[in-house]
Amino acid sequence: MVLYGPDNRPIPSVSGLAEKSAKPSAAPTPPQNQKGNRLHKRTVAAILGVATLLGGAAVVLPRPAVIPGDPADPDNSMSATFTVTNNNIVPLWHVNASVGLGEIFGPDNKRKPPNSTPDMNPPFRSHIGLPQWQDHHLNVDDRFSIVPAQMFQGKTGYADIEIVVAYQPWFVPWPREKSFHFRTFVQSNGNLTWISVPPN
């Protein structure tokens, strides 16, 4: 409907004026969560930093090793020499070695007897260490040797043992320890040797 004024001129409608004066408004853009972005960046940076530290620690952490030798007497498994060595640049203090017995048999049983325990890792009984195996200081590539036969009288055949090395890295105020599992193996010539057993 069109309205006319006193001068017979059409009066513009209010809605028309409103439509002409109204300006299109841009759709509001959601504000960025700047605090959330900063937190995300800090979290990623922290994770990367921890990963870098762990990677560096893997290089410098002490890694003592025990290397078995062949028995001096091929018919006596315990006559072998086991060498404890420091494979890392970090010095090791108060290095002690001890032997725990899982299974041990006389010289007539070079192979594992069928009636022995079927466990892959038998329970290792109390560990025994001699005075000369205790309190060593090992710098890089330093080593000392132990011979289990020093603890036993007579010859032994099949054996399953654990050697535990306790040590204290120079930068750590408390002792650590690492265990090494070995068992005998009969070579093709009938002589005994020692092999490492990986952990389960």
N, C-alpha and C. Protein backbone atom coordinates (compact mmCIF):
# COMPACT_ATOMS: atom_id res chain seq x y z
N MET A 1 0.86 -1.19 0.00
CA MET A 1 0.00 0.00 0.00
C MET A 1 0.89 1.22 0.00
N VAL A 2 0.51 2.23 -0.85
CA VAL A 2 1.29 3.47 -0.97
C VAL A 2 0.53 4.58 -0.26
N LEU A 3 1.22 5.33 0.59
CA LEU A 3 0.62 6.47 1.30
C LEU A 3 1.04 7.77 0.62
N TYR A 4 0.14 8.76 0.66
CA TYR A 4 0.42 10.05 0.03
C TYR A 4 0.39 11.13 1.10
N GLY A 5 1.24 12.12 0.94
CA GLY A 5 1.27 13.24 1.86
C GLY A 5 0.34 14.34 1.41
N PRO A 6 0.36 15.50 2.16
CA PRO A 6 -0.53 16.63 1.81
C PRO A 6 -0.25 17.15 0.42
N ASP A 7 0.98 17.01 -0.04
CA ASP A 7 1.31 17.51 -1.37
C ASP A 7 1.08 16.47 -2.43
N ASN A 8 0.36 15.39 -2.08
CA ASN A 8 0.03 14.31 -3.00
C ASN A 8 1.26 13.57 -3.53
N ARG A 9 2.34 13.66 -2.76
CA ARG A 9 3.54 12.90 -3.13
C ARG A 9 3.60 11.63 -2.28
N PRO A 10 4.01 10.54 -2.90
CA PRO A 10 4.05 9.27 -2.11
C PRO A 10 5.09 9.32 -0.99
N ILE A 11 4.68 8.82 0.14
CA ILE A 11 5.57 8.78 1.31
C ILE A 11 6.31 7.43 1.29
N PRO A 12 7.63 7.46 1.29
CA PRO A 12 8.37 6.17 1.29
C PRO A 12 8.07 5.38 2.56
N SER A 13 8.00 4.09 2.39
CA SER A 13 7.70 3.22 3.55
C SER A 13 8.88 3.12 4.49
N VAL A 14 8.59 2.85 5.75
CA VAL A 14 9.64 2.71 6.76
C VAL A 14 10.53 1.51 6.46
N SER A 15 9.87 0.43 5.99
CA SER A 15 10.65 -0.78 5.71
C SER A 15 11.60 -0.54 4.56
N GLY A 16 11.17 0.27 3.57
CA GLY A 16 12.06 0.57 2.46
C GLY A 16 13.25 1.36 2.89
N LEU A 17 13.01 2.38 3.77
CA LEU A 17 14.14 3.16 4.30
C LEU A 17 15.10 2.28 5.07
N ALA A 18 14.52 1.35 5.84
CA ALA A 18 15.39 0.48 6.65
C ALA A 18 16.23 -0.42 5.76
N GLU A 19 15.59 -0.90 4.65
CA GLU A 19 16.33 -1.78 3.76
C GLU A 19 17.46 -1.04 3.07
N LYS A 20 17.19 0.31 2.70
CA LYS A 20 18.23 1.08 2.02
C LYS A 20 19.37 1.42 2.95
N SER A 21 19.01 1.73 4.23
CA SER A 21 20.06 2.16 5.17
C SER A 21 20.84 0.99 5.74
N ALA A 22 20.25 -0.21 5.68
CA ALA A 22 20.94 -1.36 6.27
C ALA A 22 22.11 -1.78 5.39
N LYS A 23 23.22 -2.03 5.97
CA LYS A 23 24.41 -2.49 5.25
C LYS A 23 24.62 -3.97 5.54
N PRO A 24 24.98 -4.71 4.52
CA PRO A 24 25.23 -6.15 4.77
C PRO A 24 26.38 -6.33 5.74
N SER A 25 26.16 -7.14 6.75
CA SER A 25 27.20 -7.38 7.75
C SER A 25 27.91 -8.68 7.43
N ALA A 26 29.21 -8.63 7.56
CA ALA A 26 30.01 -9.83 7.30
C ALA A 26 29.78 -10.84 8.41
N ALA A 27 29.82 -12.13 8.05
CA ALA A 27 29.64 -13.18 9.05
C ALA A 27 30.78 -13.14 10.04
N PRO A 28 30.47 -13.16 11.35
CA PRO A 28 31.55 -13.07 12.35
C PRO A 28 32.46 -14.29 12.28
N THR A 29 33.74 -14.01 12.30
CA THR A 29 34.72 -15.11 12.28
C THR A 29 34.99 -15.54 13.72
N PRO A 30 34.96 -16.83 13.96
CA PRO A 30 35.21 -17.29 15.33
C PRO A 30 36.61 -16.92 15.78
N PRO A 31 36.73 -16.37 16.97
CA PRO A 31 38.08 -16.00 17.47
C PRO A 31 38.95 -17.24 17.63
N GLN A 32 40.22 -17.10 17.24
CA GLN A 32 41.15 -18.22 17.39
C GLN A 32 41.48 -18.43 18.85
N ASN A 33 41.58 -19.71 19.18
CA ASN A 33 41.92 -20.05 20.57
C ASN A 33 43.44 -19.98 20.71
N GLN A 34 43.90 -18.76 20.93
CA GLN A 34 45.35 -18.57 20.99
C GLN A 34 45.97 -19.30 22.18
N LYS A 35 45.25 -19.31 23.29
CA LYS A 35 45.79 -20.01 24.46
C LYS A 35 45.92 -21.51 24.19
N GLY A 36 44.90 -22.08 23.51
CA GLY A 36 44.96 -23.50 23.18
C GLY A 36 46.11 -23.82 22.24
N ASN A 37 46.34 -22.92 21.26
CA ASN A 37 47.44 -23.13 20.32
C ASN A 37 48.78 -23.09 21.03
N ARG A 38 48.93 -22.12 21.95
CA ARG A 38 50.19 -22.03 22.69
C ARG A 38 50.42 -23.28 23.53
N LEU A 39 49.35 -23.77 24.17
CA LEU A 39 49.47 -24.97 25.00
C LEU A 39 49.86 -26.18 24.14
N HIS A 40 49.23 -26.27 22.95
CA HIS A 40 49.56 -27.38 22.04
C HIS A 40 51.03 -27.33 21.63
N LYS A 41 51.51 -26.13 21.29
CA LYS A 41 52.91 -25.99 20.87
C LYS A 41 53.86 -26.35 22.01
N ARG A 42 53.51 -25.93 23.22
CA ARG A 42 54.36 -26.25 24.37
C ARG A 42 54.38 -27.75 24.64
N THR A 43 53.21 -28.39 24.50
CA THR A 43 53.16 -29.85 24.71
C THR A 43 54.02 -30.58 23.71
N VAL A 44 53.91 -30.21 22.43
CA VAL A 44 54.72 -30.85 21.40
C VAL A 44 56.20 -30.62 21.67
N ALA A 45 56.55 -29.39 22.06
CA ALA A 45 57.95 -29.09 22.35
C ALA A 45 58.45 -29.92 23.52
N ALA A 46 57.61 -30.08 24.56
CA ALA A 46 58.01 -30.89 25.72
C ALA A 46 58.22 -32.34 25.34
N ILE A 47 57.31 -32.88 24.50
CA ILE A 47 57.45 -34.29 24.07
C ILE A 47 58.74 -34.47 23.27
N LEU A 48 59.01 -33.54 22.36
CA LEU A 48 60.25 -33.62 21.58
C LEU A 48 61.48 -33.51 22.47
N GLY A 49 61.39 -32.66 23.48
CA GLY A 49 62.52 -32.51 24.40
C GLY A 49 62.79 -33.78 25.18
N VAL A 50 61.71 -34.42 25.67
CA VAL A 50 61.88 -35.67 26.41
C VAL A 50 62.45 -36.75 25.50
N ALA A 51 61.97 -36.82 24.26
CA ALA A 51 62.48 -37.82 23.33
C ALA A 51 63.96 -37.61 23.06
N THR A 52 64.37 -36.34 22.96
CA THR A 52 65.79 -36.04 22.74
C THR A 52 66.63 -36.45 23.94
N LEU A 53 66.11 -36.17 25.14
CA LEU A 53 66.84 -36.57 26.34
C LEU A 53 66.97 -38.08 26.44
N LEU A 54 65.89 -38.81 26.13
CA LEU A 54 65.94 -40.26 26.20
C LEU A 54 66.91 -40.82 25.16
N GLY A 55 66.92 -40.21 23.98
CA GLY A 55 67.86 -40.66 22.96
C GLY A 55 69.30 -40.44 23.39
N GLY A 56 69.56 -39.28 24.02
CA GLY A 56 70.91 -39.03 24.52
C GLY A 56 71.28 -39.95 25.66
N ALA A 57 70.30 -40.22 26.54
CA ALA A 57 70.58 -41.11 27.67
C ALA A 57 70.91 -42.51 27.20
N ALA A 58 70.25 -42.95 26.12
CA ALA A 58 70.52 -44.29 25.61
C ALA A 58 71.97 -44.44 25.17
N VAL A 59 72.59 -43.30 24.79
CA VAL A 59 73.99 -43.35 24.35
C VAL A 59 74.94 -43.40 25.53
N VAL A 60 74.64 -42.66 26.60
CA VAL A 60 75.60 -42.52 27.69
C VAL A 60 75.30 -43.41 28.89
N LEU A 61 74.13 -44.05 28.95
CA LEU A 61 73.84 -44.89 30.11
C LEU A 61 74.83 -46.04 30.20
N PRO A 62 75.27 -46.37 31.39
CA PRO A 62 76.23 -47.47 31.54
C PRO A 62 75.64 -48.79 31.08
N ARG A 63 76.43 -49.58 30.42
CA ARG A 63 75.98 -50.88 29.95
C ARG A 63 77.05 -51.92 30.23
N PRO A 64 77.17 -52.37 31.47
CA PRO A 64 78.12 -53.44 31.74
C PRO A 64 77.73 -54.69 30.98
N ALA A 65 78.70 -55.48 30.62
CA ALA A 65 78.44 -56.70 29.87
C ALA A 65 79.20 -57.85 30.51
N VAL A 66 78.70 -59.06 30.29
CA VAL A 66 79.39 -60.27 30.74
C VAL A 66 79.59 -61.16 29.50
N ILE A 67 80.83 -61.51 29.23
CA ILE A 67 81.17 -62.30 28.05
C ILE A 67 81.68 -63.66 28.50
N PRO A 68 81.01 -64.75 28.10
CA PRO A 68 81.45 -66.08 28.50
C PRO A 68 82.59 -66.58 27.62
N GLY A 69 83.48 -67.33 28.23
CA GLY A 69 84.53 -68.01 27.48
C GLY A 69 84.29 -69.51 27.50
N ASP A 70 85.06 -70.23 26.70
CA ASP A 70 84.95 -71.69 26.71
C ASP A 70 85.59 -72.26 27.98
N PRO A 71 85.08 -73.36 28.48
CA PRO A 71 85.68 -73.97 29.68
C PRO A 71 87.14 -74.33 29.45
N ALA A 72 87.96 -74.06 30.45
CA ALA A 72 89.36 -74.48 30.36
C ALA A 72 89.46 -75.99 30.29
N ASP A 73 88.58 -76.67 31.00
CA ASP A 73 88.43 -78.12 30.92
C ASP A 73 87.15 -78.40 30.13
N PRO A 74 87.24 -78.92 28.89
CA PRO A 74 86.04 -79.11 28.07
C PRO A 74 84.98 -80.00 28.71
N ASP A 75 85.36 -80.78 29.73
CA ASP A 75 84.41 -81.66 30.40
C ASP A 75 83.89 -81.08 31.71
N ASN A 76 84.30 -79.84 32.01
CA ASN A 76 83.88 -79.20 33.27
C ASN A 76 83.35 -77.81 32.93
N SER A 77 82.03 -77.69 32.91
CA SER A 77 81.42 -76.44 32.46
C SER A 77 81.82 -75.24 33.33
N MET A 78 81.96 -75.45 34.63
CA MET A 78 82.24 -74.32 35.53
C MET A 78 83.67 -73.82 35.46
N SER A 79 84.51 -74.47 34.66
CA SER A 79 85.89 -74.00 34.52
C SER A 79 86.02 -72.85 33.53
N ALA A 80 84.89 -72.41 32.96
CA ALA A 80 84.92 -71.29 32.01
C ALA A 80 85.17 -69.98 32.73
N THR A 81 85.74 -69.04 31.99
CA THR A 81 85.97 -67.69 32.50
C THR A 81 84.89 -66.76 31.95
N PHE A 82 84.24 -66.01 32.84
CA PHE A 82 83.26 -65.00 32.44
C PHE A 82 83.87 -63.63 32.70
N THR A 83 83.91 -62.80 31.67
CA THR A 83 84.55 -61.50 31.76
C THR A 83 83.51 -60.40 31.92
N VAL A 84 83.63 -59.63 32.99
CA VAL A 84 82.76 -58.48 33.24
C VAL A 84 83.47 -57.24 32.72
N THR A 85 82.81 -56.50 31.83
CA THR A 85 83.47 -55.34 31.21
C THR A 85 82.53 -54.15 31.18
N ASN A 86 83.12 -52.97 31.11
CA ASN A 86 82.37 -51.72 31.00
C ASN A 86 82.44 -51.26 29.55
N ASN A 87 81.31 -51.30 28.84
CA ASN A 87 81.29 -50.95 27.43
C ASN A 87 81.03 -49.48 27.18
N ASN A 88 80.98 -48.67 28.23
CA ASN A 88 80.57 -47.28 28.06
C ASN A 88 81.63 -46.34 28.59
N ILE A 89 81.51 -45.07 28.22
CA ILE A 89 82.48 -44.07 28.67
C ILE A 89 82.24 -43.67 30.12
N VAL A 90 81.08 -44.00 30.66
CA VAL A 90 80.76 -43.63 32.04
C VAL A 90 81.44 -44.61 32.99
N PRO A 91 82.27 -44.14 33.91
CA PRO A 91 82.92 -45.05 34.87
C PRO A 91 81.89 -45.73 35.77
N LEU A 92 82.19 -46.95 36.14
CA LEU A 92 81.34 -47.72 37.04
C LEU A 92 82.10 -47.96 38.34
N TRP A 93 81.45 -47.66 39.45
CA TRP A 93 82.05 -47.85 40.77
C TRP A 93 81.40 -49.02 41.47
N HIS A 94 82.14 -49.59 42.41
CA HIS A 94 81.62 -50.66 43.27
C HIS A 94 80.96 -51.78 42.46
N VAL A 95 81.67 -52.28 41.47
CA VAL A 95 81.15 -53.33 40.61
C VAL A 95 81.35 -54.68 41.29
N ASN A 96 80.25 -55.39 41.51
CA ASN A 96 80.28 -56.70 42.17
C ASN A 96 79.62 -57.73 41.26
N ALA A 97 80.15 -58.93 41.25
CA ALA A 97 79.58 -60.02 40.46
C ALA A 97 79.23 -61.18 41.39
N SER A 98 78.13 -61.84 41.09
CA SER A 98 77.71 -63.02 41.84
C SER A 98 77.04 -64.00 40.90
N VAL A 99 77.04 -65.28 41.30
CA VAL A 99 76.50 -66.35 40.46
C VAL A 99 75.32 -66.99 41.16
N GLY A 100 74.21 -67.15 40.43
CA GLY A 100 73.05 -67.86 40.94
C GLY A 100 72.84 -69.13 40.13
N LEU A 101 72.52 -70.22 40.81
CA LEU A 101 72.37 -71.51 40.15
C LEU A 101 70.90 -71.79 39.85
N GLY A 102 70.62 -72.11 38.58
CA GLY A 102 69.30 -72.58 38.21
C GLY A 102 69.27 -74.10 38.22
N GLU A 103 70.12 -74.70 37.39
CA GLU A 103 70.28 -76.16 37.36
C GLU A 103 71.76 -76.47 37.18
N ILE A 104 72.21 -77.53 37.81
CA ILE A 104 73.59 -77.96 37.66
C ILE A 104 73.64 -79.48 37.85
N PHE A 105 74.37 -80.17 36.97
CA PHE A 105 74.46 -81.62 37.01
C PHE A 105 75.92 -82.05 36.92
N GLY A 106 76.15 -83.30 37.25
CA GLY A 106 77.51 -83.84 37.23
C GLY A 106 78.03 -84.02 35.81
N PRO A 107 79.32 -84.39 35.69
CA PRO A 107 79.96 -84.47 34.37
C PRO A 107 79.36 -85.54 33.45
N ASP A 108 78.63 -86.49 34.01
CA ASP A 108 78.01 -87.51 33.15
C ASP A 108 76.80 -86.98 32.39
N ASN A 109 76.29 -85.84 32.79
CA ASN A 109 75.12 -85.23 32.13
C ASN A 109 75.55 -83.94 31.43
N LYS A 110 76.09 -84.09 30.22
CA LYS A 110 76.47 -82.90 29.47
C LYS A 110 75.25 -82.22 28.85
N ARG A 111 74.22 -83.00 28.60
CA ARG A 111 72.99 -82.45 28.05
C ARG A 111 71.94 -82.32 29.15
N LYS A 112 70.95 -81.50 28.90
CA LYS A 112 69.89 -81.29 29.89
C LYS A 112 69.14 -82.60 30.09
N PRO A 113 69.12 -83.15 31.30
CA PRO A 113 68.40 -84.41 31.54
C PRO A 113 66.92 -84.25 31.29
N PRO A 114 66.27 -85.26 30.73
CA PRO A 114 64.85 -85.13 30.40
C PRO A 114 63.95 -84.96 31.62
N ASN A 115 64.41 -85.38 32.80
CA ASN A 115 63.57 -85.27 34.00
C ASN A 115 63.82 -83.98 34.76
N SER A 116 64.60 -83.04 34.18
CA SER A 116 64.87 -81.78 34.87
C SER A 116 63.73 -80.80 34.62
N THR A 117 63.81 -79.65 35.26
CA THR A 117 62.73 -78.67 35.17
C THR A 117 62.52 -78.22 33.72
N PRO A 118 61.26 -78.11 33.26
CA PRO A 118 61.01 -77.70 31.89
C PRO A 118 61.04 -76.19 31.69
N ASP A 119 61.24 -75.43 32.77
CA ASP A 119 61.19 -73.98 32.66
C ASP A 119 62.30 -73.45 31.77
N MET A 120 61.95 -72.47 30.93
CA MET A 120 62.98 -71.79 30.14
C MET A 120 63.91 -71.01 31.05
N ASN A 121 63.36 -70.41 32.09
CA ASN A 121 64.16 -69.68 33.07
C ASN A 121 63.89 -70.28 34.44
N PRO A 122 64.71 -71.23 34.87
CA PRO A 122 64.47 -71.83 36.18
C PRO A 122 64.68 -70.81 37.29
N PRO A 123 64.10 -71.05 38.45
CA PRO A 123 64.34 -70.11 39.55
C PRO A 123 65.80 -70.17 39.99
N PHE A 124 66.42 -69.01 40.05
CA PHE A 124 67.83 -68.95 40.45
C PHE A 124 67.91 -68.76 41.95
N ARG A 125 68.60 -69.69 42.58
CA ARG A 125 68.70 -69.66 44.03
C ARG A 125 69.71 -68.61 44.46
N SER A 126 69.97 -68.55 45.74
CA SER A 126 70.80 -67.49 46.30
C SER A 126 72.09 -67.32 45.51
N HIS A 127 72.46 -66.08 45.28
CA HIS A 127 73.64 -65.76 44.49
C HIS A 127 74.87 -65.71 45.39
N ILE A 128 75.96 -66.22 44.87
CA ILE A 128 77.20 -66.33 45.64
C ILE A 128 78.29 -65.54 44.90
N GLY A 129 79.02 -64.75 45.65
CA GLY A 129 80.14 -64.00 45.08
C GLY A 129 81.36 -64.13 45.96
N LEU A 130 82.51 -64.29 45.35
CA LEU A 130 83.77 -64.39 46.09
C LEU A 130 84.35 -63.00 46.34
N PRO A 131 85.20 -62.85 47.35
CA PRO A 131 85.76 -61.53 47.66
C PRO A 131 86.48 -60.89 46.48
N GLN A 132 87.17 -61.70 45.65
CA GLN A 132 87.91 -61.13 44.53
C GLN A 132 87.00 -60.66 43.39
N TRP A 133 85.71 -60.94 43.51
CA TRP A 133 84.76 -60.48 42.49
C TRP A 133 84.06 -59.18 42.91
N GLN A 134 84.46 -58.60 44.02
CA GLN A 134 83.72 -57.48 44.59
C GLN A 134 84.49 -56.16 44.49
N ASP A 135 83.72 -55.08 44.46
CA ASP A 135 84.20 -53.70 44.62
C ASP A 135 85.29 -53.33 43.61
N HIS A 136 84.99 -53.52 42.35
CA HIS A 136 85.90 -53.10 41.28
C HIS A 136 85.48 -51.74 40.76
N HIS A 137 86.47 -51.01 40.25
CA HIS A 137 86.23 -49.72 39.61
C HIS A 137 86.59 -49.89 38.13
N LEU A 138 85.59 -49.68 37.25
CA LEU A 138 85.81 -49.93 35.82
C LEU A 138 85.62 -48.64 35.03
N ASN A 139 86.71 -48.18 34.40
CA ASN A 139 86.61 -47.12 33.41
C ASN A 139 86.25 -47.77 32.06
N VAL A 140 86.23 -46.97 31.00
CA VAL A 140 85.84 -47.50 29.70
C VAL A 140 86.78 -48.65 29.30
N ASP A 141 86.17 -49.76 28.89
CA ASP A 141 86.86 -50.97 28.43
C ASP A 141 87.65 -51.70 29.53
N ASP A 142 87.53 -51.25 30.78
CA ASP A 142 88.15 -52.03 31.87
C ASP A 142 87.34 -53.30 32.10
N ARG A 143 87.98 -54.32 32.68
CA ARG A 143 87.30 -55.60 32.87
C ARG A 143 87.93 -56.40 33.99
N PHE A 144 87.18 -57.35 34.49
CA PHE A 144 87.73 -58.34 35.40
C PHE A 144 87.02 -59.66 35.12
N SER A 145 87.60 -60.76 35.56
CA SER A 145 87.08 -62.08 35.23
C SER A 145 86.66 -62.84 36.47
N ILE A 146 85.67 -63.72 36.30
CA ILE A 146 85.25 -64.63 37.36
C ILE A 146 85.24 -66.05 36.79
N VAL A 147 85.54 -67.01 37.61
CA VAL A 147 85.52 -68.41 37.22
C VAL A 147 84.65 -69.15 38.23
N PRO A 148 83.44 -69.57 37.84
CA PRO A 148 82.56 -70.23 38.80
C PRO A 148 83.16 -71.47 39.44
N ALA A 149 84.11 -72.14 38.77
CA ALA A 149 84.72 -73.35 39.34
C ALA A 149 85.43 -73.05 40.65
N GLN A 150 85.77 -71.79 40.90
CA GLN A 150 86.41 -71.43 42.16
C GLN A 150 85.47 -71.65 43.35
N MET A 151 84.16 -71.78 43.07
CA MET A 151 83.20 -71.98 44.15
C MET A 151 82.80 -73.43 44.32
N PHE A 152 83.16 -74.30 43.37
CA PHE A 152 82.66 -75.67 43.37
C PHE A 152 83.80 -76.67 43.42
N GLN A 153 83.56 -77.75 44.09
CA GLN A 153 84.49 -78.87 44.10
C GLN A 153 84.04 -79.91 43.08
N GLY A 154 84.95 -80.44 42.31
CA GLY A 154 84.59 -81.46 41.33
C GLY A 154 84.13 -80.85 40.03
N LYS A 155 83.84 -81.74 39.07
CA LYS A 155 83.45 -81.31 37.74
C LYS A 155 81.93 -81.22 37.62
N THR A 156 81.51 -80.40 36.68
CA THR A 156 80.09 -80.24 36.41
C THR A 156 79.84 -80.39 34.91
N GLY A 157 78.65 -80.87 34.56
CA GLY A 157 78.25 -81.01 33.17
C GLY A 157 77.28 -79.91 32.79
N TYR A 158 76.04 -80.31 32.45
CA TYR A 158 75.05 -79.30 32.08
C TYR A 158 74.81 -78.35 33.24
N ALA A 159 74.71 -77.06 32.92
CA ALA A 159 74.45 -76.05 33.95
C ALA A 159 73.66 -74.90 33.35
N ASP A 160 72.87 -74.30 34.20
CA ASP A 160 72.06 -73.14 33.83
C ASP A 160 72.25 -72.13 34.95
N ILE A 161 72.90 -71.01 34.65
CA ILE A 161 73.27 -70.08 35.72
C ILE A 161 72.87 -68.65 35.34
N GLU A 162 72.87 -67.81 36.36
CA GLU A 162 72.65 -66.38 36.19
C GLU A 162 73.80 -65.64 36.86
N ILE A 163 74.37 -64.71 36.14
CA ILE A 163 75.41 -63.84 36.72
C ILE A 163 74.81 -62.45 36.89
N VAL A 164 74.85 -61.96 38.10
CA VAL A 164 74.31 -60.64 38.41
C VAL A 164 75.47 -59.68 38.65
N VAL A 165 75.44 -58.56 37.95
CA VAL A 165 76.46 -57.52 38.12
C VAL A 165 75.79 -56.32 38.78
N ALA A 166 76.22 -56.00 39.98
CA ALA A 166 75.76 -54.80 40.68
C ALA A 166 76.81 -53.72 40.51
N TYR A 167 76.38 -52.48 40.30
CA TYR A 167 77.33 -51.41 40.02
C TYR A 167 76.69 -50.07 40.35
N GLN A 168 77.53 -49.04 40.40
CA GLN A 168 77.05 -47.69 40.65
C GLN A 168 77.70 -46.75 39.66
N PRO A 169 76.93 -46.20 38.70
CA PRO A 169 77.50 -45.20 37.81
C PRO A 169 77.93 -43.97 38.62
N TRP A 170 78.97 -43.30 38.15
CA TRP A 170 79.53 -42.19 38.95
C TRP A 170 78.54 -41.06 39.16
N PHE A 171 77.54 -40.89 38.27
CA PHE A 171 76.60 -39.77 38.41
C PHE A 171 75.30 -40.18 39.09
N VAL A 172 75.16 -41.44 39.50
CA VAL A 172 73.93 -41.92 40.14
C VAL A 172 74.25 -42.30 41.58
N PRO A 173 73.51 -41.77 42.56
CA PRO A 173 73.85 -42.01 43.97
C PRO A 173 73.37 -43.34 44.52
N TRP A 174 72.75 -44.16 43.72
CA TRP A 174 72.27 -45.46 44.22
C TRP A 174 72.74 -46.56 43.28
N PRO A 175 72.88 -47.78 43.79
CA PRO A 175 73.37 -48.89 42.97
C PRO A 175 72.32 -49.39 41.99
N ARG A 176 72.80 -49.96 40.91
CA ARG A 176 71.95 -50.61 39.92
C ARG A 176 72.47 -52.03 39.74
N GLU A 177 71.70 -52.86 39.07
CA GLU A 177 72.20 -54.20 38.78
C GLU A 177 71.60 -54.71 37.47
N LYS A 178 72.34 -55.62 36.86
CA LYS A 178 71.93 -56.21 35.59
C LYS A 178 72.24 -57.69 35.65
N SER A 179 71.30 -58.52 35.19
CA SER A 179 71.48 -59.96 35.24
C SER A 179 71.73 -60.52 33.83
N PHE A 180 72.51 -61.58 33.78
CA PHE A 180 72.87 -62.25 32.53
C PHE A 180 72.65 -63.75 32.70
N HIS A 181 71.89 -64.32 31.79
CA HIS A 181 71.50 -65.73 31.88
C HIS A 181 72.31 -66.54 30.87
N PHE A 182 72.93 -67.63 31.35
CA PHE A 182 73.73 -68.50 30.49
C PHE A 182 73.37 -69.96 30.76
N ARG A 183 73.53 -70.77 29.71
CA ARG A 183 73.43 -72.22 29.90
C ARG A 183 74.42 -72.91 28.97
N THR A 184 74.76 -74.14 29.31
CA THR A 184 75.76 -74.86 28.54
C THR A 184 75.16 -75.45 27.26
N PHE A 185 76.05 -75.70 26.32
CA PHE A 185 75.67 -76.27 25.04
C PHE A 185 76.77 -77.25 24.62
N VAL A 186 76.37 -78.40 24.09
CA VAL A 186 77.34 -79.40 23.67
C VAL A 186 77.69 -79.17 22.20
N GLN A 187 78.96 -78.93 21.94
CA GLN A 187 79.41 -78.72 20.57
C GLN A 187 79.49 -80.06 19.82
N SER A 188 79.71 -79.96 18.53
CA SER A 188 79.75 -81.17 17.70
C SER A 188 80.89 -82.10 18.08
N ASN A 189 81.94 -81.53 18.67
CA ASN A 189 83.07 -82.37 19.10
C ASN A 189 82.87 -82.94 20.50
N GLY A 190 81.70 -82.68 21.11
CA GLY A 190 81.40 -83.21 22.43
C GLY A 190 81.84 -82.33 23.58
N ASN A 191 82.50 -81.21 23.28
CA ASN A 191 82.95 -80.31 24.33
C ASN A 191 81.83 -79.34 24.73
N LEU A 192 81.88 -78.91 25.96
CA LEU A 192 80.88 -77.97 26.46
C LEU A 192 81.29 -76.53 26.17
N THR A 193 80.32 -75.70 25.89
CA THR A 193 80.53 -74.27 25.77
C THR A 193 79.34 -73.57 26.41
N TRP A 194 79.44 -72.25 26.56
CA TRP A 194 78.36 -71.46 27.18
C TRP A 194 77.70 -70.58 26.12
N ILE A 195 76.39 -70.47 26.21
CA ILE A 195 75.64 -69.58 25.33
C ILE A 195 74.77 -68.65 26.18
N SER A 196 74.53 -67.46 25.65
CA SER A 196 73.66 -66.50 26.34
C SER A 196 72.20 -66.84 26.08
N VAL A 197 71.38 -66.66 27.08
CA VAL A 197 69.94 -66.91 26.97
C VAL A 197 69.23 -65.55 27.05
N PRO A 198 68.50 -65.17 26.00
CA PRO A 198 67.80 -63.88 26.05
C PRO A 198 66.68 -63.92 27.07
N PRO A 199 66.32 -62.77 27.63
CA PRO A 199 65.21 -62.75 28.59
C PRO A 199 63.90 -63.07 27.91
N ASN A 200 62.98 -63.67 28.68
CA ASN A 200 61.65 -64.00 28.14
C ASN A 200 60.87 -62.73 27.82
